[in-house]
Amino acid sequence: MEWMAAVTVGGLAGLGLWMLLDRNLKRVVLGIGVLGNAINLGVFTAGRLAGNGAAFANVGAAAANPLPQALVLTAIVIGFGLFVFALALLKRTRELYGDRSTDAVSAVTEEPAPDWQAGQEEEEPGSEEQREPRP
């Protein structure tokens, strides 16, 4: 059972990384979700899957460790919040740029601001007086 979980974790992690490296923003967001679930499943598997007794009973080494389960429950909540934020960011990016390619969005965001050159050439008349040290 644990080897099957390990193979599943490896497959999900590989799929998540492959989706993160794609140029389509929708796949990047889905890759974040898949990779997060792979990590949660990996942590859950590390706590042993074969628990035969109650969590707080003294049954020896065969019981599952409750700490990874608590960590995974916390990570699921945080991961859900992160995934919803990524979806909102994807929606806003689509509204602003219309294209869902990372190259197109990077090309737009790396351009200098339209007023950057004009602001460098024109100095405000009172700005030099403020920069000079006062005696």
C-alpha atoms as a PDB file:
ATOM      1  CA  MET A   1       0.000   0.000   0.000  1.00  0.00           C
ATOM      2  CA  GLU A   2       2.789   2.437   0.869  1.00  0.00           C
ATOM      3  CA  TRP A   3       4.679   1.755  -2.367  1.00  0.00           C
ATOM      4  CA  MET A   4       1.534   2.585  -4.335  1.00  0.00           C
ATOM      5  CA  ALA A   5       1.190   5.862  -2.419  1.00  0.00           C
ATOM      6  CA  ALA A   6       4.872   6.640  -3.078  1.00  0.00           C
ATOM      7  CA  VAL A   7       4.439   6.032  -6.820  1.00  0.00           C
ATOM      8  CA  THR A   8       1.314   8.203  -6.814  1.00  0.00           C
ATOM      9  CA  VAL A   9       3.158  10.983  -4.992  1.00  0.00           C
ATOM     10  CA  GLY A  10       6.009  10.801  -7.480  1.00  0.00           C
ATOM     11  CA  GLY A  11       3.622  10.847 -10.436  1.00  0.00           C
ATOM     12  CA  LEU A  12       1.635  13.776  -9.074  1.00  0.00           C
ATOM     13  CA  ALA A  13       4.804  15.721  -8.242  1.00  0.00           C
ATOM     14  CA  GLY A  14       6.167  15.127 -11.735  1.00  0.00           C
ATOM     15  CA  LEU A  15       2.884  16.156 -13.320  1.00  0.00           C
ATOM     16  CA  GLY A  16       2.694  19.264 -11.132  1.00  0.00           C
ATOM     17  CA  LEU A  17       6.240  20.334 -12.026  1.00  0.00           C
ATOM     18  CA  TRP A  18       5.594  19.696 -15.720  1.00  0.00           C
ATOM     19  CA  MET A  19       2.472  21.864 -15.555  1.00  0.00           C
ATOM     20  CA  LEU A  20       4.318  24.617 -13.666  1.00  0.00           C
ATOM     21  CA  LEU A  21       6.877  24.878 -16.473  1.00  0.00           C
ATOM     22  CA  ASP A  22       4.216  25.404 -19.154  1.00  0.00           C
ATOM     23  CA  ARG A  23       3.632  28.771 -20.836  1.00  0.00           C
ATOM     24  CA  ASN A  24      -0.126  28.688 -20.369  1.00  0.00           C
ATOM     25  CA  LEU A  25      -1.100  30.413 -17.119  1.00  0.00           C
ATOM     26  CA  LYS A  26      -4.084  28.119 -16.619  1.00  0.00           C
ATOM     27  CA  ARG A  27      -1.795  25.101 -16.538  1.00  0.00           C
ATOM     28  CA  VAL A  28       0.578  26.883 -14.166  1.00  0.00           C
ATOM     29  CA  VAL A  29      -2.261  27.468 -11.700  1.00  0.00           C
ATOM     30  CA  LEU A  30      -3.418  23.860 -12.005  1.00  0.00           C
ATOM     31  CA  GLY A  31       0.204  22.745 -11.541  1.00  0.00           C
ATOM     32  CA  ILE A  32       0.333  24.611  -8.242  1.00  0.00           C
ATOM     33  CA  GLY A  33      -2.738  22.693  -7.094  1.00  0.00           C
ATOM     34  CA  VAL A  34      -1.456  19.301  -8.248  1.00  0.00           C
ATOM     35  CA  LEU A  35       1.989  19.864  -6.714  1.00  0.00           C
ATOM     36  CA  GLY A  36       0.408  20.967  -3.429  1.00  0.00           C
ATOM     37  CA  ASN A  37      -1.716  17.828  -3.296  1.00  0.00           C
ATOM     38  CA  ALA A  38       1.354  15.679  -4.074  1.00  0.00           C
ATOM     39  CA  ILE A  39       3.245  17.244  -1.198  1.00  0.00           C
ATOM     40  CA  ASN A  40       0.289  16.742   1.158  1.00  0.00           C
ATOM     41  CA  LEU A  41       0.004  13.100   0.144  1.00  0.00           C
ATOM     42  CA  GLY A  42       3.757  12.636   0.611  1.00  0.00           C
ATOM     43  CA  VAL A  43       3.640  14.048   4.127  1.00  0.00           C
ATOM     44  CA  PHE A  44       0.577  11.933   4.909  1.00  0.00           C
ATOM     45  CA  THR A  45       2.337   8.802   3.621  1.00  0.00           C
ATOM     46  CA  ALA A  46       5.379   9.569   5.770  1.00  0.00           C
ATOM     47  CA  GLY A  47       3.199   9.087   8.849  1.00  0.00           C
ATOM     48  CA  ARG A  48       2.485   5.465   7.856  1.00  0.00           C
ATOM     49  CA  LEU A  49      -0.810   4.438   6.343  1.00  0.00           C
ATOM     50  CA  ALA A  50      -1.411   1.211   8.238  1.00  0.00           C
ATOM     51  CA  GLY A  51      -2.861   2.303  11.551  1.00  0.00           C
ATOM     52  CA  ASN A  52      -4.567  -0.517  13.381  1.00  0.00           C
ATOM     53  CA  GLY A  53      -5.438   1.221  16.619  1.00  0.00           C
ATOM     54  CA  ALA A  54      -6.967   4.372  17.915  1.00  0.00           C
ATOM     55  CA  ALA A  55      -4.851   7.488  17.680  1.00  0.00           C
ATOM     56  CA  PHE A  56      -4.498   8.017  21.443  1.00  0.00           C
ATOM     57  CA  ALA A  57      -4.311   4.369  22.554  1.00  0.00           C
ATOM     58  CA  ASN A  58      -0.985   2.783  23.385  1.00  0.00           C
ATOM     59  CA  VAL A  59      -0.862   0.074  20.699  1.00  0.00           C
ATOM     60  CA  GLY A  60       2.830   0.142  19.868  1.00  0.00           C
ATOM     61  CA  ALA A  61       4.660   0.896  16.634  1.00  0.00           C
ATOM     62  CA  ALA A  62       1.871  -0.241  14.273  1.00  0.00           C
ATOM     63  CA  ALA A  63      -0.298   2.836  14.802  1.00  0.00           C
ATOM     64  CA  ALA A  64      -0.210   5.735  12.384  1.00  0.00           C
ATOM     65  CA  ASN A  65       1.481   8.931  13.481  1.00  0.00           C
ATOM     66  CA  PRO A  66      -1.144  11.662  14.068  1.00  0.00           C
ATOM     67  CA  LEU A  67       1.304  14.553  13.573  1.00  0.00           C
ATOM     68  CA  PRO A  68       1.511  14.269   9.745  1.00  0.00           C
ATOM     69  CA  GLN A  69      -2.266  14.048   9.615  1.00  0.00           C
ATOM     70  CA  ALA A  70      -2.570  17.297  11.558  1.00  0.00           C
ATOM     71  CA  LEU A  71       0.053  18.942   9.349  1.00  0.00           C
ATOM     72  CA  VAL A  72      -1.725  17.798   6.190  1.00  0.00           C
ATOM     73  CA  LEU A  73      -5.063  19.125   7.422  1.00  0.00           C
ATOM     74  CA  THR A  74      -3.471  22.514   8.034  1.00  0.00           C
ATOM     75  CA  ALA A  75      -1.714  22.395   4.661  1.00  0.00           C
ATOM     76  CA  ILE A  76      -4.975  21.574   2.889  1.00  0.00           C
ATOM     77  CA  VAL A  77      -6.578  24.729   4.272  1.00  0.00           C
ATOM     78  CA  ILE A  78      -3.565  26.888   3.376  1.00  0.00           C
ATOM     79  CA  GLY A  79      -3.287  25.242  -0.037  1.00  0.00           C
ATOM     80  CA  PHE A  80      -6.945  25.911  -0.762  1.00  0.00           C
ATOM     81  CA  GLY A  81      -6.470  29.577   0.086  1.00  0.00           C
ATOM     82  CA  LEU A  82      -3.402  29.756  -2.143  1.00  0.00           C
ATOM     83  CA  PHE A  83      -5.235  28.052  -4.994  1.00  0.00           C
ATOM     84  CA  VAL A  84      -8.169  30.453  -4.767  1.00  0.00           C
ATOM     85  CA  PHE A  85      -5.748  33.406  -4.740  1.00  0.00           C
ATOM     86  CA  ALA A  86      -3.996  31.995  -7.826  1.00  0.00           C
ATOM     87  CA  LEU A  87      -7.346  31.619  -9.592  1.00  0.00           C
ATOM     88  CA  ALA A  88      -8.256  35.218  -8.769  1.00  0.00           C
ATOM     89  CA  LEU A  89      -4.854  36.353 -10.037  1.00  0.00           C
ATOM     90  CA  LEU A  90      -5.365  34.343 -13.226  1.00  0.00           C
ATOM     91  CA  LYS A  91      -8.779  35.951 -13.762  1.00  0.00           C
ATOM     92  CA  ARG A  92      -7.384  39.460 -13.229  1.00  0.00           C
ATOM     93  CA  THR A  93      -4.444  38.764 -15.549  1.00  0.00           C
ATOM     94  CA  ARG A  94      -6.829  37.575 -18.219  1.00  0.00           C
ATOM     95  CA  GLU A  95      -8.933  40.718 -17.806  1.00  0.00           C
ATOM     96  CA  LEU A  96      -5.899  43.014 -18.045  1.00  0.00           C
ATOM     97  CA  TYR A  97      -3.873  41.365 -20.789  1.00  0.00           C
ATOM     98  CA  GLY A  98      -6.369  39.140 -22.566  1.00  0.00           C
ATOM     99  CA  ASP A  99      -3.707  36.547 -23.272  1.00  0.00           C
ATOM    100  CA  ARG A 100      -2.947  33.657 -21.010  1.00  0.00           C
ATOM    101  CA  SER A 101       0.647  33.099 -22.151  1.00  0.00           C
ATOM    102  CA  THR A 102       3.420  33.857 -19.651  1.00  0.00           C
ATOM    103  CA  ASP A 103       5.624  35.305 -22.395  1.00  0.00           C
ATOM    104  CA  ALA A 104       2.981  37.850 -23.426  1.00  0.00           C
ATOM    105  CA  VAL A 105       2.345  38.888 -19.833  1.00  0.00           C
ATOM    106  CA  SER A 106       6.096  39.160 -19.127  1.00  0.00           C
ATOM    107  CA  ALA A 107       6.619  41.297 -22.233  1.00  0.00           C
ATOM    108  CA  VAL A 108       3.934  43.728 -21.077  1.00  0.00           C
ATOM    109  CA  THR A 109       5.049  43.877 -17.455  1.00  0.00           C
ATOM    110  CA  GLU A 110       8.756  44.384 -18.288  1.00  0.00           C
ATOM    111  CA  GLU A 111       8.100  47.464 -20.411  1.00  0.00           C
ATOM    112  CA  PRO A 112       9.026  50.724 -18.691  1.00  0.00           C
ATOM    113  CA  ALA A 113       6.165  52.845 -17.503  1.00  0.00           C
ATOM    114  CA  PRO A 114       5.001  55.405 -20.119  1.00  0.00           C
ATOM    115  CA  ASP A 115       5.809  58.364 -17.908  1.00  0.00           C
ATOM    116  CA  TRP A 116       9.219  57.040 -16.765  1.00  0.00           C
ATOM    117  CA  GLN A 117      11.255  58.816 -19.518  1.00  0.00           C
ATOM    118  CA  ALA A 118       9.247  62.021 -19.280  1.00  0.00           C
ATOM    119  CA  GLY A 119       9.768  62.143 -15.528  1.00  0.00           C
ATOM    120  CA  GLN A 120      13.551  61.793 -15.898  1.00  0.00           C
ATOM    121  CA  GLU A 121      13.882  64.610 -18.463  1.00  0.00           C
ATOM    122  CA  GLU A 122      11.635  67.108 -16.789  1.00  0.00           C
ATOM    123  CA  GLU A 123      12.590  68.064 -13.314  1.00  0.00           C
ATOM    124  CA  GLU A 124      10.289  69.933 -11.124  1.00  0.00           C
ATOM    125  CA  PRO A 125      11.453  73.504 -10.425  1.00  0.00           C
ATOM    126  CA  GLY A 126      11.321  73.210  -6.663  1.00  0.00           C
ATOM    127  CA  SER A 127      12.915  69.783  -6.464  1.00  0.00           C
ATOM    128  CA  GLU A 128      16.567  70.963  -6.694  1.00  0.00           C
ATOM    129  CA  GLU A 129      16.142  73.344  -3.811  1.00  0.00           C
ATOM    130  CA  GLN A 130      14.881  70.529  -1.682  1.00  0.00           C
ATOM    131  CA  ARG A 131      17.821  68.256  -2.576  1.00  0.00           C
ATOM    132  CA  GLU A 132      20.589  70.769  -1.727  1.00  0.00           C
ATOM    133  CA  PRO A 133      21.859  70.510   1.824  1.00  0.00           C
ATOM    134  CA  ARG A 134      20.962  73.378   4.023  1.00  0.00           C
ATOM    135  CA  PRO A 135      23.758  75.217   5.874  1.00  0.00           C
END
